Amino acid sequence: FSKKYHTPIYATSATLAPLDELYSPVT
């Protein structure tokens, strides 16, 4: 979804840890 739509993503650092190669702005 990030790769297709570049939707900003919000999550805790621990949640984001396994999500490499995101194409969206990440907070």
PDB file of all heavy atoms in Angstrom:
ATOM      1  N   PHE A   1       0.843  -1.203   0.000  1.00  0.00           N
ATOM      2  CA  PHE A   1       0.000   0.000   0.000  1.00  0.00           C
ATOM      3  C   PHE A   1       0.873   1.246   0.000  1.00  0.00           C
ATOM      4  O   PHE A   1       0.616   2.221  -0.726  1.00  0.00           O
ATOM      5  CB  PHE A   1      -0.917  -0.008   1.235  1.00  0.00           C
ATOM      6  CG  PHE A   1      -2.120   0.880   1.111  1.00  0.00           C
ATOM      7  CD1 PHE A   1      -3.343   0.367   0.706  1.00  0.00           C
ATOM      8  CD2 PHE A   1      -2.041   2.243   1.397  1.00  0.00           C
ATOM      9  CE1 PHE A   1      -4.458   1.181   0.586  1.00  0.00           C
ATOM     10  CE2 PHE A   1      -3.145   3.063   1.281  1.00  0.00           C
ATOM     11  CZ  PHE A   1      -4.362   2.535   0.873  1.00  0.00           C
ATOM     12  N   SER A   2       1.940   1.209   0.773  1.00  0.00           N
ATOM     13  CA  SER A   2       2.888   2.317   0.820  1.00  0.00           C
ATOM     14  C   SER A   2       3.538   2.557  -0.544  1.00  0.00           C
ATOM     15  O   SER A   2       3.686   3.696  -0.997  1.00  0.00           O
ATOM     16  CB  SER A   2       3.965   2.004   1.867  1.00  0.00           C
ATOM     17  OG  SER A   2       5.140   2.726   1.636  1.00  0.00           O
ATOM     18  N   LYS A   3       3.917   1.482  -1.209  1.00  0.00           N
ATOM     19  CA  LYS A   3       4.576   1.607  -2.509  1.00  0.00           C
ATOM     20  C   LYS A   3       3.643   2.170  -3.563  1.00  0.00           C
ATOM     21  O   LYS A   3       4.039   2.971  -4.414  1.00  0.00           O
ATOM     22  CB  LYS A   3       5.104   0.241  -2.948  1.00  0.00           C
ATOM     23  CG  LYS A   3       5.922   0.279  -4.231  1.00  0.00           C
ATOM     24  CD  LYS A   3       6.542  -1.085  -4.523  1.00  0.00           C
ATOM     25  CE  LYS A   3       7.422  -1.018  -5.769  1.00  0.00           C
ATOM     26  NZ  LYS A   3       8.054  -2.337  -6.054  1.00  0.00           N
ATOM     27  N   LYS A   4       2.358   1.791  -3.509  1.00  0.00           N
ATOM     28  CA  LYS A   4       1.406   2.225  -4.531  1.00  0.00           C
ATOM     29  C   LYS A   4       0.870   3.633  -4.281  1.00  0.00           C
ATOM     30  O   LYS A   4       0.648   4.390  -5.225  1.00  0.00           O
ATOM     31  CB  LYS A   4       0.236   1.240  -4.610  1.00  0.00           C
ATOM     32  CG  LYS A   4       0.602  -0.122  -5.176  1.00  0.00           C
ATOM     33  CD  LYS A   4      -0.636  -0.936  -5.499  1.00  0.00           C
ATOM     34  CE  LYS A   4      -1.390  -0.376  -6.691  1.00  0.00           C
ATOM     35  NZ  LYS A   4      -2.501  -1.255  -7.123  1.00  0.00           N
ATOM     36  N   TYR A   5       0.678   3.990  -3.011  1.00  0.00           N
ATOM     37  CA  TYR A   5      -0.052   5.235  -2.721  1.00  0.00           C
ATOM     38  C   TYR A   5       0.717   6.244  -1.879  1.00  0.00           C
ATOM     39  O   TYR A   5       0.246   7.369  -1.707  1.00  0.00           O
ATOM     40  CB  TYR A   5      -1.380   4.886  -2.023  1.00  0.00           C
ATOM     41  CG  TYR A   5      -2.236   3.966  -2.847  1.00  0.00           C
ATOM     42  CD1 TYR A   5      -2.430   2.632  -2.482  1.00  0.00           C
ATOM     43  CD2 TYR A   5      -2.828   4.406  -4.031  1.00  0.00           C
ATOM     44  CE1 TYR A   5      -3.202   1.778  -3.253  1.00  0.00           C
ATOM     45  CE2 TYR A   5      -3.590   3.554  -4.805  1.00  0.00           C
ATOM     46  CZ  TYR A   5      -3.780   2.244  -4.411  1.00  0.00           C
ATOM     47  OH  TYR A   5      -4.543   1.396  -5.190  1.00  0.00           O
ATOM     48  N   HIS A   6       1.885   5.851  -1.376  1.00  0.00           N
ATOM     49  CA  HIS A   6       2.748   6.768  -0.607  1.00  0.00           C
ATOM     50  C   HIS A   6       2.008   7.431   0.552  1.00  0.00           C
ATOM     51  O   HIS A   6       2.242   8.600   0.865  1.00  0.00           O
ATOM     52  CB  HIS A   6       3.356   7.822  -1.538  1.00  0.00           C
ATOM     53  CG  HIS A   6       4.120   7.225  -2.687  1.00  0.00           C
ATOM     54  ND1 HIS A   6       5.399   6.734  -2.564  1.00  0.00           N
ATOM     55  CD2 HIS A   6       3.747   7.004  -3.982  1.00  0.00           C
ATOM     56  CE1 HIS A   6       5.810   6.247  -3.729  1.00  0.00           C
ATOM     57  NE2 HIS A   6       4.825   6.391  -4.600  1.00  0.00           N
ATOM     58  N   THR A   7       1.123   6.705   1.176  1.00  0.00           N
ATOM     59  CA  THR A   7       0.336   7.225   2.281  1.00  0.00           C
ATOM     60  C   THR A   7       1.215   7.368   3.527  1.00  0.00           C
ATOM     61  O   THR A   7       1.924   6.427   3.889  1.00  0.00           O
ATOM     62  CB  THR A   7      -0.827   6.270   2.604  1.00  0.00           C
ATOM     63  OG1 THR A   7      -1.522   5.979   1.396  1.00  0.00           O
ATOM     64  CG2 THR A   7      -1.771   6.891   3.625  1.00  0.00           C
ATOM     65  N   PRO A   8       1.201   8.509   4.204  1.00  0.00           N
ATOM     66  CA  PRO A   8       1.981   8.665   5.436  1.00  0.00           C
ATOM     67  C   PRO A   8       1.614   7.605   6.472  1.00  0.00           C
ATOM     68  O   PRO A   8       0.442   7.254   6.638  1.00  0.00           O
ATOM     69  CB  PRO A   8       1.604  10.071   5.912  1.00  0.00           C
ATOM     70  CG  PRO A   8       1.214  10.794   4.665  1.00  0.00           C
ATOM     71  CD  PRO A   8       0.532   9.770   3.809  1.00  0.00           C
ATOM     72  N   ILE A   9       2.636   7.108   7.159  1.00  0.00           N
ATOM     73  CA  ILE A   9       2.460   6.031   8.134  1.00  0.00           C
ATOM     74  C   ILE A   9       2.947   6.503   9.504  1.00  0.00           C
ATOM     75  O   ILE A   9       4.016   7.113   9.619  1.00  0.00           O
ATOM     76  CB  ILE A   9       3.235   4.775   7.710  1.00  0.00           C
ATOM     77  CG1 ILE A   9       2.664   4.229   6.390  1.00  0.00           C
ATOM     78  CG2 ILE A   9       3.206   3.704   8.794  1.00  0.00           C
ATOM     79  CD1 ILE A   9       3.529   3.180   5.743  1.00  0.00           C
ATOM     80  N   TYR A  10       2.147   6.197  10.530  1.00  0.00           N
ATOM     81  CA  TYR A  10       2.476   6.542  11.907  1.00  0.00           C
ATOM     82  C   TYR A  10       2.441   5.260  12.732  1.00  0.00           C
ATOM     83  O   TYR A  10       1.491   4.487  12.660  1.00  0.00           O
ATOM     84  CB  TYR A  10       1.465   7.543  12.481  1.00  0.00           C
ATOM     85  CG  TYR A  10       1.454   8.891  11.796  1.00  0.00           C
ATOM     86  CD1 TYR A  10       0.777   9.067  10.591  1.00  0.00           C
ATOM     87  CD2 TYR A  10       2.116   9.977  12.353  1.00  0.00           C
ATOM     88  CE1 TYR A  10       0.763  10.295   9.957  1.00  0.00           C
ATOM     89  CE2 TYR A  10       2.104  11.220  11.727  1.00  0.00           C
ATOM     90  CZ  TYR A  10       1.431  11.369  10.532  1.00  0.00           C
ATOM     91  OH  TYR A  10       1.411  12.594   9.909  1.00  0.00           O
ATOM     92  N   ALA A  11       3.475   5.054  13.544  1.00  0.00           N
ATOM     93  CA  ALA A  11       3.532   3.878  14.407  1.00  0.00           C
ATOM     94  C   ALA A  11       4.677   4.064  15.391  1.00  0.00           C
ATOM     95  O   ALA A  11       5.561   4.902  15.196  1.00  0.00           O
ATOM     96  CB  ALA A  11       3.743   2.608  13.594  1.00  0.00           C
ATOM     97  N   THR A  12       4.676   3.259  16.445  1.00  0.00           N
ATOM     98  CA  THR A  12       5.790   3.297  17.381  1.00  0.00           C
ATOM     99  C   THR A  12       7.040   2.721  16.714  1.00  0.00           C
ATOM    100  O   THR A  12       6.966   1.979  15.731  1.00  0.00           O
ATOM    101  CB  THR A  12       5.481   2.494  18.646  1.00  0.00           C
ATOM    102  OG1 THR A  12       5.258   1.123  18.288  1.00  0.00           O
ATOM    103  CG2 THR A  12       4.245   3.046  19.363  1.00  0.00           C
ATOM    104  N   SER A  13       8.194   3.060  17.270  1.00  0.00           N
ATOM    105  CA  SER A  13       9.459   2.582  16.700  1.00  0.00           C
ATOM    106  C   SER A  13       9.518   1.061  16.675  1.00  0.00           C
ATOM    107  O   SER A  13      10.015   0.464  15.712  1.00  0.00           O
ATOM    108  CB  SER A  13      10.636   3.137  17.513  1.00  0.00           C
ATOM    109  OG  SER A  13      10.687   4.549  17.418  1.00  0.00           O
ATOM    110  N   ALA A  14       8.994   0.417  17.719  1.00  0.00           N
ATOM    111  CA  ALA A  14       9.013  -1.041  17.772  1.00  0.00           C
ATOM    112  C   ALA A  14       8.145  -1.645  16.671  1.00  0.00           C
ATOM    113  O   ALA A  14       8.474  -2.692  16.108  1.00  0.00           O
ATOM    114  CB  ALA A  14       8.537  -1.520  19.142  1.00  0.00           C
ATOM    115  N   THR A  15       7.041  -0.983  16.346  1.00  0.00           N
ATOM    116  CA  THR A  15       6.172  -1.472  15.271  1.00  0.00           C
ATOM    117  C   THR A  15       6.820  -1.270  13.910  1.00  0.00           C
ATOM    118  O   THR A  15       6.699  -2.110  13.010  1.00  0.00           O
ATOM    119  CB  THR A  15       4.812  -0.764  15.326  1.00  0.00           C
ATOM    120  OG1 THR A  15       4.180  -1.069  16.573  1.00  0.00           O
ATOM    121  CG2 THR A  15       3.907  -1.191  14.189  1.00  0.00           C
ATOM    122  N   LEU A  16       7.529  -0.175  13.753  1.00  0.00           N
ATOM    123  CA  LEU A  16       8.157   0.133  12.467  1.00  0.00           C
ATOM    124  C   LEU A  16       9.405  -0.707  12.207  1.00  0.00           C
ATOM    125  O   LEU A  16       9.819  -0.857  11.053  1.00  0.00           O
ATOM    126  CB  LEU A  16       8.543   1.613  12.423  1.00  0.00           C
ATOM    127  CG  LEU A  16       7.385   2.615  12.362  1.00  0.00           C
ATOM    128  CD1 LEU A  16       7.896   4.035  12.581  1.00  0.00           C
ATOM    129  CD2 LEU A  16       6.648   2.519  11.037  1.00  0.00           C
ATOM    130  N   ALA A  17       9.996  -1.272  13.260  1.00  0.00           N
ATOM    131  CA  ALA A  17      11.288  -1.952  13.133  1.00  0.00           C
ATOM    132  C   ALA A  17      11.326  -3.004  12.024  1.00  0.00           C
ATOM    133  O   ALA A  17      12.288  -3.048  11.250  1.00  0.00           O
ATOM    134  CB  ALA A  17      11.682  -2.569  14.477  1.00  0.00           C
ATOM    135  N   PRO A  18      10.313  -3.882  11.879  1.00  0.00           N
ATOM    136  CA  PRO A  18      10.388  -4.890  10.808  1.00  0.00           C
ATOM    137  C   PRO A  18       9.930  -4.384   9.445  1.00  0.00           C
ATOM    138  O   PRO A  18       9.983  -5.130   8.462  1.00  0.00           O
ATOM    139  CB  PRO A  18       9.440  -5.983  11.311  1.00  0.00           C
ATOM    140  CG  PRO A  18       8.423  -5.255  12.118  1.00  0.00           C
ATOM    141  CD  PRO A  18       9.151  -4.104  12.756  1.00  0.00           C
ATOM    142  N   LEU A  19       9.489  -3.128   9.367  1.00  0.00           N
ATOM    143  CA  LEU A  19       8.922  -2.607   8.118  1.00  0.00           C
ATOM    144  C   LEU A  19       9.969  -1.804   7.354  1.00  0.00           C
ATOM    145  O   LEU A  19       9.919  -0.579   7.266  1.00  0.00           O
ATOM    146  CB  LEU A  19       7.698  -1.737   8.426  1.00  0.00           C
ATOM    147  CG  LEU A  19       6.474  -2.481   8.949  1.00  0.00           C
ATOM    148  CD1 LEU A  19       5.412  -1.502   9.424  1.00  0.00           C
ATOM    149  CD2 LEU A  19       5.898  -3.385   7.861  1.00  0.00           C
ATOM    150  N   ASP A  20      10.930  -2.514   6.774  1.00  0.00           N
ATOM    151  CA  ASP A  20      11.904  -1.822   5.940  1.00  0.00           C
ATOM    152  C   ASP A  20      11.307  -1.571   4.552  1.00  0.00           C
ATOM    153  O   ASP A  20      10.248  -2.078   4.206  1.00  0.00           O
ATOM    154  CB  ASP A  20      13.185  -2.648   5.826  1.00  0.00           C
ATOM    155  CG  ASP A  20      12.923  -4.065   5.341  1.00  0.00           C
ATOM    156  OD1 ASP A  20      11.744  -4.446   5.208  1.00  0.00           O
ATOM    157  OD2 ASP A  20      13.897  -4.789   5.111  1.00  0.00           O
ATOM    158  N   GLU A  21      11.959  -0.756   3.761  1.00  0.00           N
ATOM    159  CA  GLU A  21      11.568  -0.470   2.377  1.00  0.00           C
ATOM    160  C   GLU A  21      10.164   0.104   2.267  1.00  0.00           C
ATOM    161  O   GLU A  21       9.415  -0.229   1.346  1.00  0.00           O
ATOM    162  CB  GLU A  21      11.677  -1.737   1.514  1.00  0.00           C
ATOM    163  CG  GLU A  21      13.089  -2.311   1.452  1.00  0.00           C
ATOM    164  CD  GLU A  21      13.174  -3.556   0.590  1.00  0.00           C
ATOM    165  OE1 GLU A  21      12.167  -3.905  -0.041  1.00  0.00           O
ATOM    166  OE2 GLU A  21      14.244  -4.164   0.557  1.00  0.00           O
ATOM    167  N   LEU A  22       9.805   0.984   3.174  1.00  0.00           N
ATOM    168  CA  LEU A  22       8.553   1.716   3.030  1.00  0.00           C
ATOM    169  C   LEU A  22       8.761   2.896   2.089  1.00  0.00           C
ATOM    170  O   LEU A  22       9.808   3.538   2.104  1.00  0.00           O
ATOM    171  CB  LEU A  22       8.056   2.197   4.389  1.00  0.00           C
ATOM    172  CG  LEU A  22       7.566   1.096   5.342  1.00  0.00           C
ATOM    173  CD1 LEU A  22       7.259   1.683   6.707  1.00  0.00           C
ATOM    174  CD2 LEU A  22       6.337   0.403   4.781  1.00  0.00           C
ATOM    175  N   TYR A  23       7.748   3.162   1.271  1.00  0.00           N
ATOM    176  CA  TYR A  23       7.853   4.211   0.267  1.00  0.00           C
ATOM    177  C   TYR A  23       7.075   5.462   0.671  1.00  0.00           C
ATOM    178  O   TYR A  23       6.925   6.384  -0.116  1.00  0.00           O
ATOM    179  CB  TYR A  23       7.331   3.692  -1.078  1.00  0.00           C
ATOM    180  CG  TYR A  23       8.154   2.557  -1.635  1.00  0.00           C
ATOM    181  CD1 TYR A  23       7.953   1.252  -1.200  1.00  0.00           C
ATOM    182  CD2 TYR A  23       9.144   2.785  -2.589  1.00  0.00           C
ATOM    183  CE1 TYR A  23       8.717   0.198  -1.702  1.00  0.00           C
ATOM    184  CE2 TYR A  23       9.906   1.745  -3.097  1.00  0.00           C
ATOM    185  CZ  TYR A  23       9.690   0.450  -2.652  1.00  0.00           C
ATOM    186  OH  TYR A  23      10.448  -0.575  -3.155  1.00  0.00           O
ATOM    187  N   SER A  24       6.608   5.492   1.880  1.00  0.00           N
ATOM    188  CA  SER A  24       5.789   6.586   2.379  1.00  0.00           C
ATOM    189  C   SER A  24       6.581   7.425   3.377  1.00  0.00           C
ATOM    190  O   SER A  24       7.562   6.957   3.956  1.00  0.00           O
ATOM    191  CB  SER A  24       4.549   6.040   3.108  1.00  0.00           C
ATOM    192  OG  SER A  24       3.744   5.290   2.251  1.00  0.00           O
ATOM    193  N   PRO A  25       6.118   8.651   3.628  1.00  0.00           N
ATOM    194  CA  PRO A  25       6.649   9.373   4.788  1.00  0.00           C
ATOM    195  C   PRO A  25       6.293   8.596   6.053  1.00  0.00           C
ATOM    196  O   PRO A  25       5.150   8.172   6.228  1.00  0.00           O
ATOM    197  CB  PRO A  25       5.904  10.714   4.730  1.00  0.00           C
ATOM    198  CG  PRO A  25       5.391  10.825   3.331  1.00  0.00           C
ATOM    199  CD  PRO A  25       5.139   9.427   2.859  1.00  0.00           C
ATOM    200  N   VAL A  26       7.266   8.378   6.918  1.00  0.00           N
ATOM    201  CA  VAL A  26       7.073   7.574   8.124  1.00  0.00           C
ATOM    202  C   VAL A  26       7.366   8.423   9.354  1.00  0.00           C
ATOM    203  O   VAL A  26       8.391   9.110   9.410  1.00  0.00           O
ATOM    204  CB  VAL A  26       7.983   6.332   8.109  1.00  0.00           C
ATOM    205  CG1 VAL A  26       7.871   5.570   9.420  1.00  0.00           C
ATOM    206  CG2 VAL A  26       7.637   5.429   6.938  1.00  0.00           C
ATOM    207  N   THR A  27       6.469   8.374  10.321  1.00  0.00           N
ATOM    208  CA  THR A  27       6.647   9.094  11.573  1.00  0.00           C
ATOM    209  C   THR A  27       6.597   8.113  12.725  1.00  0.00           C
ATOM    210  O   THR A  27       5.597   7.413  12.907  1.00  0.00           O
ATOM    211  CB  THR A  27       5.561  10.165  11.766  1.00  0.00           C
ATOM    212  OG1 THR A  27       5.598  11.085  10.668  1.00  0.00           O
ATOM    213  CG2 THR A  27       5.774  10.931  13.070  1.00  0.00           C
TER     214      THR A  27
END
